[in-house]
Amino acid sequence: MEQQSMRGAEPLEQPDAATAQAYLDVLPDVRRRAEGVLDLRRLGRLYVVEGVASALYVGIYLLAWGLHRQSPDLPIAPMNMLAVFLIWSFLARAVREGYGARRVLRGARAVAYYGLAVAGAVLGLALVLIDGFKGAFSWFWLPVPSLFFLAGALSAGLSLRYEGRNDPPRTAPAHAPFTRTARVGTLAVGACLAISVALSGAAAVPGWGSGVSSLGMCAVTVLYLVALLTRWCADLGEIWRAPQWTMFGVGASAAAAMVLLVSTRPAIAPATGFVLGAVVLILAAIVSRLPGRGDD
């Protein structure tokens, strides 16, 4: 068979039988070394945390939907949590790569994890559609989609931790330098969280509130997609320390609280959203400057 070469370059010389066999002989050792850099216990813990985050997101969405169906005159803003969830997925991917793997779920473990996640998503969508057509909401089914997400994450996370139970203890990966780009990225994440919180409250304003809130969430989602496609500050999850993660937790909790507040106490939601959004933005400005200048 003719050797194909790149245009303008000579074809690569084929290795002889002895060299090819030598390559094959070292493959098992290379594979062991690659598996050796995986921190299975930390990866397992991360999958559990991701599953809890997914379950909470789906649960809050369905709870807000249920509250709205119970009192149709009250506003609803469950999609305002989407920006928070997208940002979390962006950060968690960087953390997972820092633990030594882009994707370690294979075989039955992958089938269980992704199968349960898809089942939870399909069931959640089916509940919303069925309720919309029939006009009858059953609270009994409310937690079931979240339980599917949680079950999938627990099956993957606990099995990874069990597989790595005999691995020697490993120190956590060193934080990457907190560069100027990371500072700007941290402030941008905080600003997106603050906007999500404030717009959640704005959804309770009669007339224009719901439309402005939805358009704002679309803008935040577009910013997320731009950051994802350009990989701008893609390693932010590896760089963050405890203060930055605390800021994100406060912002995510505030956004979730606002989604529920809009569906229960719409009269105080706009002012509360503005105040909480300002708090998140101030926290982001503070934590974006906490590491010393020596990290630049």
Foldseek 3Di string as FASTA:
>chain_A
DDFDDDPPDDGDDDDDPVVVVVVVVCVVVVVVVLVLLAPLQVLLVLLLVLLLVVLLLLLLLLVQVVLCLVPVVFFFDSCLLVLLNLVVVLLSQLLNVQNRDNDDQDDPLVCLQVVLLVVLVVVSVVQVVVCVVVSDHDPVCSSVSSVSSNVSSNSNSVVSNVVCVPPDDDDRRDAAQLDPLLLVVLLVSLLSLLLSLLLLLQSLDPDCSVVVSVVSSVVSVVVSVVCVVVVRVSNSSRHDDPLSVVLSVLSSVSSSVLSVCSSPPSVCSNVSSNVSSVVSSVSSNVRSCPDDPVSD
